[in-house]
Amino acid sequence: MRWRLGWLLLGMTMLLSGCPHVGTGPGGSQIVADWPKLGAAPNVAAEGSRDAAVIIGIESYLVVPGVPGAGANAKDWYSFFIDGLRIPVDHVHWVRDRQAVREEILKQVAAAAGELGAGGKIWFVFIAHGAPSKDGKDGMLVGADAQQTADSLYARSVGTSEIVQAIDKAPVAVAIIDACFSGQTSSGKAIASGLQPLVVMRDTASLGKVTMLSAGASDQFAGPLPGSNRPAFSYLVLGALRGWAADGEGNVTAQAAIDYAKKALDVLPTGRTQTPSIAGADPAMVLVHQAREAGPVLSDAVKSETAVAGDDALAADPDVPDVSKLDVPRGLDADSSSVELFAAATRSEHDAEASACDRVAAWERLAARASVLNAESVLKFAGARREQWFKVATAARKRQEAMVIACAAGKSDEHCPKRGWSLTPINPDQCPTVGWTSSGFKGSLK
């Protein structure tokens, strides 16, 4: 539970802050709003003497746009395998950048599969681009020498089915794929034109003994951590295995690692939808024992020094609350549901498409939860924020009423609604969903 609250609070702080912040928490624990470095030897059980690993990190492609931070993440994974799990150095195969062509990837995977001891585990980590196969039924791991054409991507990439077939011979096989198969870069642009959409995802049965952790859905793209150029998924899963997702005994299961990454990407302000998933043999399998590293824990909120999309229009209205100066109320982290509701309300304040009434509703949900728990500080905070946005909604409603009258009288053409639009009478006890920003009319009333 501690890591869940920690990440939710970290997400809220990253939403409010664009600068690093380090402080001290209870008992001297570090309060961090920056991304922890993962290169140091982790405090985990050294159980990898019979294991082997393959790490593919392609930061620089020959032609295709690169993946910023892939090299740094791959290096941290290498350190984890060597210094943490203590896998023999000659059993850890790190293939970098332009070395990572189709033939070399398959060669190193075959070599690792032949190096396993009795009951050993094979790890496959891929941090680079993905694309759909030609028939749309498989995900392709894009090789470093692929050209920006569909035919080249199909020819110079490695199918996930090929990787599964190669590592399925091992007693235990784990694949971590930090690439989505939409054929998009980390910024959402297409790697090449003419790619077939991925229409069929691999089913669990076809994975055999392989447990596969993937960065996102087939229509998404695997992007970076907010405020960093590090690919988010492989970073978060590595943190999870170092102990950020460990249970009370220091065990980290594959499912716990994916849940950790999923929760973090849901809360953090990434500006995209990225939903990690897990499939295959044994999601409940313990990947790491005695993992003791504490994940990021944050109990202070810092103030924003960055502009947020949509805020400029709102800032022109003097009645609109300053969304860059939102503190975390005392006692919030005592209840995980309250933390999630606070995160949702905070996100709504930074969502350019959210109306004032959407924000009223978000804060009301937190206030209702706080009331049930008798959390006075949280209730007072959420209630006050709700009232501020209610005033904004009411003022926006009045502006719309005046606009409709002016439009009907032919006195103004600016921002006039389309013919047939009508004003729905307001219920004084119900917040109006006005769809209005200070830049003008947006849509019809709900």
Protein backbone atom coordinates (compact mmCIF):
# COMPACT_ATOMS: atom_id res chain seq x y z
CA MET A 1 0.00 0.00 0.00
CA ARG A 2 2.89 2.36 0.76
CA TRP A 3 4.16 2.36 -2.80
CA ARG A 4 0.67 2.99 -4.20
CA LEU A 5 0.21 6.08 -2.06
CA GLY A 6 3.74 7.18 -2.80
CA TRP A 7 3.28 7.02 -6.55
CA LEU A 8 -0.10 8.72 -6.47
CA LEU A 9 1.36 11.55 -4.46
CA LEU A 10 4.39 11.66 -6.74
CA GLY A 11 2.06 11.88 -9.71
CA MET A 12 0.22 14.83 -8.21
CA THR A 13 3.47 16.58 -7.48
CA MET A 14 4.86 15.99 -10.97
CA LEU A 15 1.61 17.45 -12.28
CA LEU A 16 2.18 20.57 -10.23
CA SER A 17 5.92 20.84 -10.62
CA GLY A 18 8.39 21.01 -13.43
CA CYS A 19 11.50 21.19 -11.24
CA PRO A 20 13.36 18.71 -9.00
CA HIS A 21 12.65 18.88 -5.30
CA VAL A 22 14.32 17.02 -2.48
CA GLY A 23 13.37 17.24 1.16
CA THR A 24 13.12 15.13 4.29
CA GLY A 25 10.17 13.14 5.48
CA PRO A 26 9.28 11.39 8.73
CA GLY A 27 12.20 9.48 10.15
CA GLY A 28 14.60 11.13 7.75
CA SER A 29 13.24 9.38 4.65
CA GLN A 30 13.84 11.19 1.40
CA ILE A 31 11.01 13.14 -0.18
CA VAL A 32 11.74 13.20 -3.89
CA ALA A 33 9.95 14.82 -6.81
CA ASP A 34 12.75 13.86 -9.20
CA TRP A 35 13.32 10.47 -10.82
CA PRO A 36 15.57 8.19 -8.72
CA LYS A 37 18.71 6.87 -10.36
CA LEU A 38 18.63 3.12 -10.90
CA GLY A 39 22.27 2.40 -11.71
CA ALA A 40 23.45 1.49 -8.21
CA ALA A 41 23.51 -2.14 -7.10
CA PRO A 42 20.03 -3.01 -5.80
CA ASN A 43 19.35 -4.68 -2.49
CA VAL A 44 17.74 -7.90 -3.78
CA ALA A 45 18.36 -11.61 -3.37
CA ALA A 46 21.29 -12.73 -5.55
CA GLU A 47 19.48 -15.68 -7.11
CA GLY A 48 20.56 -15.37 -10.74
CA SER A 49 23.53 -17.76 -10.89
CA ARG A 50 21.62 -20.11 -13.20
CA ASP A 51 19.90 -17.37 -15.21
CA ALA A 52 20.71 -15.65 -18.50
CA ALA A 53 19.51 -12.36 -19.95
CA VAL A 54 19.29 -10.47 -23.23
CA ILE A 55 18.92 -6.67 -23.24
CA ILE A 56 18.13 -4.83 -26.46
CA GLY A 57 18.34 -1.04 -26.18
CA ILE A 58 18.21 1.00 -29.38
CA GLU A 59 18.61 4.70 -28.79
CA SER A 60 20.10 5.35 -32.22
CA TYR A 61 18.66 3.74 -35.36
CA LEU A 62 20.29 3.90 -38.76
CA VAL A 63 17.34 5.70 -40.39
CA VAL A 64 14.26 5.41 -38.18
CA PRO A 65 13.97 8.07 -35.41
CA GLY A 66 15.72 6.97 -32.24
CA VAL A 67 14.35 6.21 -28.78
CA PRO A 68 15.83 8.78 -26.35
CA GLY A 69 16.90 7.25 -23.06
CA ALA A 70 16.81 3.64 -24.29
CA GLY A 71 20.56 3.32 -23.73
CA ALA A 72 20.37 4.63 -20.16
CA ASN A 73 17.51 2.29 -19.28
CA ALA A 74 19.33 -0.67 -20.85
CA LYS A 75 22.45 0.15 -18.84
CA ASP A 76 20.44 0.17 -15.61
CA TRP A 77 18.91 -3.21 -16.48
CA TYR A 78 22.41 -4.55 -17.12
CA SER A 79 23.50 -3.36 -13.68
CA PHE A 80 20.41 -4.95 -12.11
CA PHE A 81 21.18 -8.34 -13.65
CA ILE A 82 24.93 -8.23 -12.90
CA ASP A 83 25.09 -6.46 -9.53
CA GLY A 84 21.68 -7.38 -8.17
CA LEU A 85 20.58 -10.82 -9.31
CA ARG A 86 24.25 -11.74 -9.86
CA ILE A 87 23.72 -13.38 -13.22
CA PRO A 88 27.16 -14.39 -14.58
CA VAL A 89 28.59 -11.56 -16.66
CA ASP A 90 29.07 -13.76 -19.71
CA HIS A 91 25.41 -14.78 -19.54
CA VAL A 92 24.11 -11.21 -19.86
CA HIS A 93 23.93 -10.17 -23.51
CA TRP A 94 23.54 -6.42 -24.03
CA VAL A 95 22.97 -5.49 -27.67
CA ARG A 96 23.17 -1.75 -28.26
CA ASP A 97 22.01 0.67 -30.90
CA ARG A 98 23.05 -0.22 -34.46
CA GLN A 99 24.39 -3.62 -33.42
CA ALA A 100 20.79 -4.63 -32.76
CA VAL A 101 19.91 -5.91 -36.22
CA ARG A 102 17.61 -8.86 -36.74
CA GLU A 103 20.35 -11.50 -37.05
CA GLU A 104 22.24 -10.31 -33.96
CA ILE A 105 19.12 -10.19 -31.80
CA LEU A 106 18.19 -13.77 -32.68
CA LYS A 107 21.80 -14.91 -32.24
CA GLN A 108 22.07 -13.48 -28.72
CA VAL A 109 18.69 -14.88 -27.69
CA ALA A 110 19.76 -18.34 -28.85
CA ALA A 111 23.05 -18.01 -26.98
CA ALA A 112 21.31 -17.02 -23.74
CA ALA A 113 18.86 -19.88 -24.03
CA GLY A 114 21.80 -22.30 -24.17
CA GLU A 115 23.48 -20.89 -21.06
CA LEU A 116 20.78 -21.61 -18.50
CA GLY A 117 21.48 -23.74 -15.48
CA ALA A 118 18.99 -26.25 -14.08
CA GLY A 119 15.73 -24.40 -13.32
CA GLY A 120 17.21 -21.13 -14.52
CA LYS A 121 15.27 -18.16 -15.82
CA ILE A 122 15.80 -16.36 -19.11
CA TRP A 123 15.11 -12.63 -19.21
CA PHE A 124 14.46 -10.74 -22.44
CA VAL A 125 14.30 -6.93 -22.22
CA PHE A 126 13.53 -4.87 -25.33
CA ILE A 127 13.62 -1.05 -25.27
CA ALA A 128 13.13 0.29 -28.77
CA HIS A 129 10.46 0.64 -31.46
CA GLY A 130 7.68 -1.80 -32.21
CA ALA A 131 5.45 -2.18 -35.26
CA PRO A 132 2.66 -4.47 -36.46
CA SER A 133 3.49 -7.42 -38.70
CA LYS A 134 2.44 -7.48 -42.34
CA ASP A 135 -0.76 -9.42 -41.61
CA GLY A 136 -1.42 -7.42 -38.44
CA LYS A 137 -1.41 -10.55 -36.28
CA ASP A 138 1.96 -10.20 -34.58
CA GLY A 139 4.07 -7.50 -33.00
CA MET A 140 7.43 -6.77 -34.60
CA LEU A 141 10.51 -5.62 -32.67
CA VAL A 142 12.09 -3.13 -35.05
CA GLY A 143 15.75 -3.77 -35.85
CA ALA A 144 18.32 -0.97 -35.88
CA ASP A 145 18.83 -1.04 -39.66
CA ALA A 146 15.14 -0.91 -40.64
CA GLN A 147 14.31 1.72 -43.25
CA GLN A 148 11.28 4.01 -43.13
CA THR A 149 9.18 1.81 -45.37
CA ALA A 150 6.69 -0.85 -44.41
CA ASP A 151 8.49 -3.57 -46.40
CA SER A 152 11.81 -2.82 -44.71
CA LEU A 153 10.28 -2.83 -41.25
CA TYR A 154 8.70 -6.20 -41.93
CA ALA A 155 11.97 -7.64 -43.27
CA ARG A 156 14.43 -6.18 -40.74
CA SER A 157 12.47 -6.70 -37.53
CA VAL A 158 11.99 -9.69 -35.24
CA GLY A 159 8.51 -11.00 -34.50
CA THR A 160 7.54 -11.45 -30.88
CA SER A 161 6.47 -14.94 -31.91
CA GLU A 162 10.10 -15.66 -32.86
CA ILE A 163 11.32 -14.46 -29.48
CA VAL A 164 8.69 -16.52 -27.70
CA GLN A 165 9.66 -19.62 -29.65
CA ALA A 166 13.33 -19.13 -28.77
CA ILE A 167 12.92 -18.52 -25.03
CA ASP A 168 10.00 -20.87 -24.44
CA LYS A 169 12.52 -23.72 -24.20
CA ALA A 170 13.71 -22.34 -20.86
CA PRO A 171 12.19 -23.58 -17.58
CA VAL A 172 11.11 -19.99 -16.85
CA ALA A 173 10.99 -17.13 -19.34
CA VAL A 174 10.21 -13.46 -18.78
CA ALA A 175 9.93 -10.85 -21.55
CA ILE A 176 9.74 -7.10 -20.83
CA ILE A 177 8.77 -5.23 -24.00
CA ASP A 178 9.07 -1.44 -23.79
CA ALA A 179 7.60 -0.87 -27.23
CA CYS A 180 4.06 -0.62 -28.48
CA PHE A 181 3.05 -2.23 -31.77
CA SER A 182 1.18 0.73 -33.21
CA GLY A 183 4.22 1.62 -35.32
CA GLN A 184 4.56 5.00 -33.62
CA THR A 185 7.53 6.79 -32.09
CA SER A 186 7.58 8.02 -28.49
CA SER A 187 6.07 11.30 -29.73
CA GLY A 188 3.20 9.51 -31.46
CA LYS A 189 4.45 9.91 -35.05
CA ALA A 190 4.43 6.99 -37.49
CA ILE A 191 7.75 5.19 -37.96
CA ALA A 192 6.84 4.49 -41.58
CA SER A 193 3.83 4.95 -43.82
CA GLY A 194 1.66 2.07 -44.98
CA LEU A 195 1.87 -0.10 -41.87
CA GLN A 196 -0.95 -2.58 -41.29
CA PRO A 197 -2.78 -1.97 -37.99
CA LEU A 198 -2.25 -4.66 -35.36
CA VAL A 199 -5.68 -6.26 -35.28
CA VAL A 200 -5.10 -9.46 -33.32
CA MET A 201 -3.19 -9.57 -30.08
CA ARG A 202 -1.27 -12.67 -29.06
CA ASP A 203 -3.36 -14.94 -26.84
CA THR A 204 -2.10 -16.43 -23.60
CA ALA A 205 -1.87 -19.99 -24.92
CA SER A 206 0.52 -19.00 -27.70
CA LEU A 207 3.03 -17.64 -25.17
CA GLY A 208 3.75 -21.10 -23.76
CA LYS A 209 5.97 -20.81 -20.68
CA VAL A 210 6.71 -17.14 -21.36
CA THR A 211 5.35 -14.39 -19.11
CA MET A 212 5.28 -11.18 -21.13
CA LEU A 213 5.05 -7.66 -19.71
CA SER A 214 4.20 -5.11 -22.40
CA ALA A 215 4.30 -1.32 -22.41
CA GLY A 216 0.85 -0.61 -23.84
CA ALA A 217 -2.03 -1.51 -26.09
CA SER A 218 -1.72 -1.97 -29.85
CA ASP A 219 -3.22 1.45 -30.62
CA GLN A 220 -1.00 3.34 -28.16
CA PHE A 221 2.63 4.44 -28.16
CA ALA A 222 5.24 3.83 -25.48
CA GLY A 223 6.42 7.22 -24.32
CA PRO A 224 8.84 8.77 -21.83
CA LEU A 225 8.55 9.68 -18.18
CA PRO A 226 7.18 13.20 -17.74
CA GLY A 227 10.04 15.64 -17.39
CA SER A 228 12.57 13.06 -18.56
CA ASN A 229 13.78 11.41 -21.75
CA ARG A 230 13.75 7.94 -20.19
CA PRO A 231 11.28 5.40 -21.65
CA ALA A 232 8.69 5.12 -18.90
CA PHE A 233 7.68 1.46 -18.89
CA SER A 234 11.09 -0.22 -18.64
CA TYR A 235 12.14 2.34 -16.02
CA LEU A 236 9.06 1.75 -13.86
CA VAL A 237 9.22 -2.04 -14.10
CA LEU A 238 12.89 -1.97 -13.11
CA GLY A 239 12.05 0.23 -10.15
CA ALA A 240 9.28 -2.20 -9.22
CA LEU A 241 11.72 -5.13 -9.24
CA ARG A 242 14.20 -3.20 -7.09
CA GLY A 243 11.57 -3.08 -4.37
CA TRP A 244 9.11 -0.32 -5.22
CA ALA A 245 6.37 -2.91 -5.76
CA ALA A 246 7.52 -5.43 -3.14
CA ASP A 247 5.19 -6.95 -0.59
CA GLY A 248 5.95 -7.02 3.12
CA GLU A 249 8.40 -9.88 2.66
CA GLY A 250 10.27 -8.22 -0.20
CA ASN A 251 8.73 -10.37 -2.94
CA VAL A 252 7.88 -8.82 -6.31
CA THR A 253 5.59 -10.75 -8.64
CA ALA A 254 5.21 -10.10 -12.35
CA GLN A 255 1.67 -8.91 -11.70
CA ALA A 256 2.81 -6.51 -8.96
CA ALA A 257 5.40 -5.03 -11.32
CA ILE A 258 2.83 -4.45 -14.07
CA ASP A 259 0.30 -3.04 -11.60
CA TYR A 260 2.93 -0.62 -10.37
CA ALA A 261 3.75 0.62 -13.86
CA LYS A 262 0.08 0.82 -14.80
CA LYS A 263 -0.83 2.84 -11.72
CA ALA A 264 2.10 5.23 -12.21
CA LEU A 265 1.31 5.84 -15.89
CA ASP A 266 -2.35 6.37 -15.06
CA VAL A 267 -1.60 9.04 -12.46
CA LEU A 268 1.44 10.80 -13.92
CA PRO A 269 0.86 13.68 -16.37
CA THR A 270 2.24 12.00 -19.47
CA GLY A 271 -0.17 13.61 -21.94
CA ARG A 272 -1.02 10.21 -23.46
CA THR A 273 -2.88 7.01 -22.68
CA GLN A 274 -0.49 4.14 -22.08
CA THR A 275 -1.83 0.99 -20.45
CA PRO A 276 0.76 -1.70 -19.64
CA SER A 277 -0.41 -5.31 -19.77
CA ILE A 278 0.70 -8.78 -18.81
CA ALA A 279 -0.01 -12.11 -20.46
CA GLY A 280 1.35 -15.61 -20.52
CA ALA A 281 2.33 -18.40 -18.23
CA ASP A 282 2.42 -17.12 -14.67
CA PRO A 283 1.62 -13.50 -13.72
CA ALA A 284 1.73 -14.54 -10.05
CA MET A 285 5.34 -15.73 -10.39
CA VAL A 286 7.78 -14.08 -7.97
CA LEU A 287 10.48 -12.48 -10.10
CA VAL A 288 12.60 -11.07 -7.29
CA HIS A 289 12.95 -11.93 -3.60
CA GLN A 290 14.16 -9.77 -0.72
CA ALA A 291 13.76 -6.55 -2.69
CA ARG A 292 14.22 -3.79 -0.14
CA GLU A 293 14.56 -0.53 -2.04
CA ALA A 294 11.88 2.00 -1.10
CA GLY A 295 10.15 3.66 -4.00
CA PRO A 296 9.58 7.39 -4.32
CA VAL A 297 7.52 8.70 -1.40
CA LEU A 298 6.27 12.26 -1.38
CA SER A 299 4.33 14.10 1.31
CA ASP A 300 4.97 17.68 0.23
CA ALA A 301 3.55 19.36 -2.83
CA VAL A 302 5.69 21.80 -4.74
CA LYS A 303 4.43 24.65 -6.85
CA SER A 304 4.37 24.60 -10.60
CA GLU A 305 6.97 26.47 -12.62
CA THR A 306 5.69 25.23 -15.95
CA ALA A 307 2.74 26.25 -18.08
CA VAL A 308 -0.04 23.72 -18.49
CA ALA A 309 -2.05 23.34 -21.67
CA GLY A 310 -5.32 25.20 -21.41
CA ASP A 311 -4.33 27.32 -18.43
CA ASP A 312 -3.67 30.49 -20.45
CA ALA A 313 -7.29 30.87 -21.45
CA LEU A 314 -8.50 30.23 -17.93
CA ALA A 315 -5.98 32.59 -16.40
CA ALA A 316 -7.62 35.49 -18.24
CA ASP A 317 -10.66 35.09 -15.97
CA PRO A 318 -9.90 36.70 -12.56
CA ASP A 319 -12.40 34.36 -10.85
CA VAL A 320 -10.58 31.19 -11.91
CA PRO A 321 -8.46 29.58 -9.14
CA ASP A 322 -4.72 29.45 -9.70
CA VAL A 323 -4.14 25.82 -10.65
CA SER A 324 -0.37 26.20 -10.29
CA LYS A 325 -0.62 26.77 -6.53
CA LEU A 326 -2.41 23.67 -5.33
CA ASP A 327 -1.16 22.17 -2.07
CA VAL A 328 -1.76 18.64 -0.82
CA PRO A 329 -4.05 18.75 2.25
CA ARG A 330 -2.80 17.24 5.49
CA GLY A 331 -3.91 13.67 6.14
CA LEU A 332 -4.62 12.87 2.52
CA ASP A 333 -2.17 9.95 2.34
CA ALA A 334 -3.99 8.10 5.13
CA ASP A 335 -6.53 6.76 2.63
CA SER A 336 -5.67 5.42 -0.85
CA SER A 337 -9.14 6.22 -2.25
CA SER A 338 -8.79 9.83 -1.16
CA VAL A 339 -5.39 10.04 -2.83
CA GLU A 340 -6.85 8.73 -6.10
CA LEU A 341 -9.78 11.17 -5.92
CA PHE A 342 -7.40 14.04 -5.25
CA ALA A 343 -5.30 12.99 -8.24
CA ALA A 344 -8.41 12.89 -10.44
CA ALA A 345 -9.53 16.34 -9.28
CA THR A 346 -6.04 17.73 -9.86
CA ARG A 347 -5.94 16.28 -13.38
CA SER A 348 -9.32 17.85 -14.15
CA GLU A 349 -7.94 21.29 -13.24
CA HIS A 350 -5.20 20.85 -15.85
CA ASP A 351 -7.50 19.37 -18.49
CA ALA A 352 -8.28 22.05 -21.08
CA GLU A 353 -11.41 20.12 -22.10
CA ALA A 354 -12.85 19.92 -18.58
CA SER A 355 -15.57 22.44 -17.76
CA ALA A 356 -15.84 24.26 -14.45
CA CYS A 357 -18.66 21.93 -13.50
CA ASP A 358 -16.50 18.88 -14.23
CA ARG A 359 -14.07 20.29 -11.68
CA VAL A 360 -16.86 20.95 -9.19
CA ALA A 361 -17.94 17.32 -9.46
CA ALA A 362 -14.37 16.06 -9.03
CA TRP A 363 -13.84 17.99 -5.82
CA GLU A 364 -17.30 17.02 -4.54
CA ARG A 365 -16.34 13.35 -4.84
CA LEU A 366 -13.26 13.93 -2.69
CA ALA A 367 -15.29 15.96 -0.17
CA ALA A 368 -17.84 13.16 0.10
CA ARG A 369 -15.09 10.62 0.79
CA ALA A 370 -13.49 12.89 3.38
CA SER A 371 -16.86 13.38 5.08
CA VAL A 372 -17.31 9.62 5.48
CA LEU A 373 -13.82 9.34 7.00
CA ASN A 374 -14.21 12.45 9.17
CA ALA A 375 -11.02 13.77 7.55
CA GLU A 376 -11.53 17.41 8.51
CA SER A 377 -8.53 18.93 6.73
CA VAL A 378 -9.25 17.13 3.46
CA LEU A 379 -12.97 17.96 3.67
CA LYS A 380 -12.25 21.64 4.28
CA PHE A 381 -9.78 21.77 1.39
CA ALA A 382 -11.99 19.95 -1.12
CA GLY A 383 -15.07 21.93 -0.09
CA ALA A 384 -13.30 25.24 -0.56
CA ARG A 385 -11.99 24.20 -3.97
CA ARG A 386 -15.47 23.06 -4.97
CA GLU A 387 -16.92 26.45 -4.04
CA GLN A 388 -14.28 28.28 -6.07
CA TRP A 389 -15.11 26.32 -9.21
CA PHE A 390 -18.86 26.63 -8.59
CA LYS A 391 -18.46 30.41 -8.70
CA VAL A 392 -16.59 30.09 -11.99
CA ALA A 393 -19.36 27.86 -13.40
CA THR A 394 -22.07 30.28 -12.31
CA ALA A 395 -20.23 33.25 -13.83
CA ALA A 396 -19.73 31.34 -17.07
CA ARG A 397 -23.44 30.51 -17.14
CA LYS A 398 -24.31 34.18 -16.84
CA ARG A 399 -21.94 35.02 -19.68
CA GLN A 400 -23.63 32.42 -21.86
CA GLU A 401 -27.08 33.74 -21.02
CA ALA A 402 -25.97 37.25 -22.01
CA MET A 403 -24.38 35.89 -25.18
CA VAL A 404 -27.57 34.07 -26.20
CA ILE A 405 -29.63 37.20 -25.70
CA ALA A 406 -27.15 39.24 -27.77
CA CYS A 407 -27.10 36.63 -30.52
CA ALA A 408 -30.89 36.41 -30.61
CA ALA A 409 -31.11 40.20 -30.91
CA GLY A 410 -28.53 40.19 -33.72
CA LYS A 411 -26.19 42.36 -31.67
CA SER A 412 -23.24 39.96 -31.83
CA ASP A 413 -21.98 37.31 -34.20
CA GLU A 414 -18.88 36.46 -32.18
CA HIS A 415 -19.00 32.97 -30.63
CA CYS A 416 -22.73 32.71 -31.41
CA PRO A 417 -24.03 29.14 -31.24
CA LYS A 418 -25.43 27.36 -34.24
CA ARG A 419 -29.09 27.71 -35.26
CA GLY A 420 -31.40 25.62 -33.09
CA TRP A 421 -29.27 25.90 -29.97
CA SER A 422 -31.27 26.61 -26.81
CA LEU A 423 -30.42 27.43 -23.24
CA THR A 424 -31.40 24.75 -20.74
CA PRO A 425 -32.86 26.27 -17.53
CA ILE A 426 -30.49 25.95 -14.62
CA ASN A 427 -31.40 24.11 -11.46
CA PRO A 428 -30.02 26.24 -8.61
CA ASP A 429 -29.09 23.08 -6.71
CA GLN A 430 -27.23 21.54 -9.62
CA CYS A 431 -23.96 22.75 -11.06
CA PRO A 432 -24.27 23.89 -14.69
CA THR A 433 -21.97 22.09 -17.10
CA VAL A 434 -21.28 25.12 -19.17
CA GLY A 435 -18.56 24.13 -21.61
CA TRP A 436 -17.13 27.62 -21.46
CA THR A 437 -13.65 29.08 -21.21
CA SER A 438 -12.66 32.72 -21.24
CA SER A 439 -11.68 32.30 -24.88
CA GLY A 440 -15.32 31.86 -25.84
CA PHE A 441 -18.19 29.46 -26.32
CA LYS A 442 -17.41 25.73 -26.53
CA GLY A 443 -20.23 23.44 -27.61
CA SER A 444 -23.74 23.19 -26.28
CA LEU A 445 -24.93 23.06 -22.71
CA LYS A 446 -25.24 19.62 -21.18
